[in-house]
Amino acid sequence: MDLPEVIEGFEVRPLLITYSAWLKIYDGYMTGLVNVSRSGDQEVHYFAKMLRLRIKLQFRDLEFIYKYLVQAMNIGPTGGIIASLNRFVVIVDILLDFNNDEIHLQQFRLTDIGRLRVRFTGNILTDWLLNPVLNVFLRIFDTIIIKVVEINIRNAVQNEIDSINASVKEVVRDLEAMNH
């Protein structure tokens, strides 16, 4: 899965003076979406010719890989960032409505985000620069990257549901045409 390019400003204070700096992460992608299994109890409810499924799926061993550029005090180290996430859980709530033969996505939420480990490759960042860059990356991960992942997976699920709904409508139309 492709991940967005992000540029984020921050401040560093190597000695007594505070400097403005920025981190650019780019060419990002995520791997590991194939490592999925059921998580916890699954719930199924049937009422009024409708079946509601609440499924929890756990994705394990995900990697978020980026190239980075840091600009601070006229130095611009570049390198790579490899962030490994041991797991996250997705809650999918689907309603199968047999009254109109449609599937509806009721809820989709990413939850239970596990432990993130971050490794820098390429240039070794100096200590006074490493911690601020790491903090900025963690902030970007929590506020942007993980949201993009959630939206992309939700859109893929919704597209699949839309495709199934269209196929069911086509089959029903064909069956009704044969009965006339």
Foldseek 3Di string as FASTA:
>chain_A
DFFDWDKDKDWFDPDPDIWIKIKIKDPKDKDQQVQKDWDDDWDWDDDPQKIKIKTKMKTAWMKIKTWMWMAIPNDIDIWMKIKTWGIKMWIWIWMQHPVLRAIDTPDIDIGDTGDIDMDTDDDDDDPRPVVVVVVVVVVCCVPPGVVVVSVVVVVVVVVVRVVVSVVVVVVVVVVVVVVD
